[in-house]
Amino acid sequence: MNLEMDTNIGYQIKHLTFCKYALKTPNKTIALSFPQMLELRRKINELTSYSSLTNIVNNDNFVLLFVADKEHLIFLEIPQLLVLKEEIDLLFHTPVSLFV
């Protein structure tokens, strides 16, 4: 039995409705409002700066992150952290169609 997690399917963010998002983790799906999404983006951008990544690699190689007003705690290793950053960047830089 292989217990190693695949980071490609680990974390996904979906835009559900106006100001409602879903963060899909390997264990659960977390509902996020727009302010919570902005806070998650701020935390992820802070954690993926060069100095923060260097500090993470030199110490523990993982991050524990509170999400959705500290209702959920997620465990992120470096590859998962970078995948989540890409997901958030795509979400904020992809135009949303008004007529879906």
Protein backbone atom coordinates (compact mmCIF):
# COMPACT_ATOMS: atom_id res chain seq x y z
CA MET A 1 0.00 0.00 0.00
CA ASN A 2 1.43 3.38 -1.06
CA LEU A 3 0.82 6.06 1.58
CA GLU A 4 2.57 8.85 -0.29
CA MET A 5 0.26 11.70 -1.28
CA ASP A 6 0.11 12.98 -4.86
CA THR A 7 0.51 16.78 -4.76
CA ASN A 8 -1.13 17.23 -8.17
CA ILE A 9 -4.56 16.35 -6.82
CA GLY A 10 -3.95 17.55 -3.27
CA TYR A 11 -5.32 21.10 -3.23
CA GLN A 12 -7.79 22.77 -5.55
CA ILE A 13 -9.78 25.99 -5.31
CA LYS A 14 -13.11 26.39 -7.05
CA HIS A 15 -15.22 29.50 -7.49
CA LEU A 16 -18.75 28.43 -6.56
CA THR A 17 -20.88 31.57 -6.64
CA PHE A 18 -20.44 35.28 -6.12
CA CYS A 19 -17.98 35.60 -3.20
CA LYS A 20 -18.11 31.89 -2.34
CA TYR A 21 -15.19 29.54 -2.85
CA ALA A 22 -14.30 25.96 -1.97
CA LEU A 23 -10.81 24.81 -1.01
CA LYS A 24 -10.57 21.08 -1.68
CA THR A 25 -7.91 19.40 0.44
CA PRO A 26 -7.01 15.70 0.45
CA ASN A 27 -9.19 15.19 3.54
CA LYS A 28 -12.08 17.64 3.24
CA THR A 29 -13.61 20.58 1.41
CA ILE A 30 -13.52 23.96 3.15
CA ALA A 31 -16.02 26.69 2.28
CA LEU A 32 -14.47 30.16 2.04
CA SER A 33 -15.95 33.62 1.69
CA PHE A 34 -14.20 36.31 -0.35
CA PRO A 35 -12.53 37.93 2.71
CA GLN A 36 -11.33 34.51 3.86
CA MET A 37 -9.97 33.87 0.37
CA LEU A 38 -8.08 37.17 0.46
CA GLU A 39 -6.61 36.28 3.86
CA LEU A 40 -5.56 32.85 2.58
CA ARG A 41 -3.88 34.51 -0.41
CA ARG A 42 -2.03 36.93 1.89
CA LYS A 43 -0.80 34.09 4.13
CA ILE A 44 0.29 31.93 1.18
CA ASN A 45 2.12 34.84 -0.48
CA GLU A 46 3.87 35.53 2.81
CA LEU A 47 4.86 31.87 3.27
CA THR A 48 6.16 31.52 -0.30
CA SER A 49 8.53 34.47 -0.18
CA TYR A 50 12.18 33.52 -0.59
CA SER A 51 13.10 34.16 3.05
CA SER A 52 10.07 32.26 4.39
CA LEU A 53 10.69 29.27 2.12
CA THR A 54 14.34 29.21 3.16
CA ASN A 55 13.31 29.28 6.81
CA ILE A 56 10.77 26.48 6.29
CA VAL A 57 13.28 24.29 4.45
CA ASN A 58 15.96 24.84 7.10
CA ASN A 59 13.62 24.00 9.98
CA ASP A 60 10.64 21.68 9.54
CA ASN A 61 9.87 21.31 5.79
CA PHE A 62 6.16 21.84 6.51
CA VAL A 63 3.69 24.51 7.56
CA LEU A 64 0.56 24.34 9.70
CA LEU A 65 -1.93 26.91 8.44
CA PHE A 66 -5.24 28.01 9.92
CA VAL A 67 -7.92 28.61 7.28
CA ALA A 68 -11.45 30.07 7.29
CA ASP A 69 -11.22 32.23 10.41
CA LYS A 70 -9.22 29.56 12.27
CA GLU A 71 -11.93 26.92 11.86
CA HIS A 72 -9.66 24.52 9.95
CA LEU A 73 -6.01 23.59 10.25
CA ILE A 74 -4.18 22.28 7.19
CA PHE A 75 -0.78 20.64 6.95
CA LEU A 76 1.29 21.75 3.94
CA GLU A 77 4.65 20.46 2.84
CA ILE A 78 6.73 22.61 0.48
CA PRO A 79 5.38 21.10 -2.80
CA GLN A 80 1.80 21.37 -1.54
CA LEU A 81 2.38 24.97 -0.49
CA LEU A 82 3.65 25.84 -3.96
CA VAL A 83 0.73 24.05 -5.65
CA LEU A 84 -1.71 25.99 -3.47
CA LYS A 85 0.03 29.26 -4.39
CA GLU A 86 -0.38 28.44 -8.09
CA GLU A 87 -4.06 27.60 -7.56
CA ILE A 88 -4.68 30.91 -5.81
CA ASP A 89 -2.76 32.86 -8.46
CA LEU A 90 -4.82 31.20 -11.19
CA LEU A 91 -8.04 31.99 -9.36
CA PHE A 92 -7.24 35.70 -9.02
CA HIS A 93 -5.73 36.13 -12.49
CA THR A 94 -8.25 34.21 -14.59
CA PRO A 95 -11.17 36.27 -15.91
CA VAL A 96 -14.56 35.01 -14.81
CA SER A 97 -17.31 34.83 -17.40
CA LEU A 98 -20.46 36.70 -16.38
CA PHE A 99 -22.66 34.48 -18.54
CA VAL A 100 -21.92 30.94 -17.49
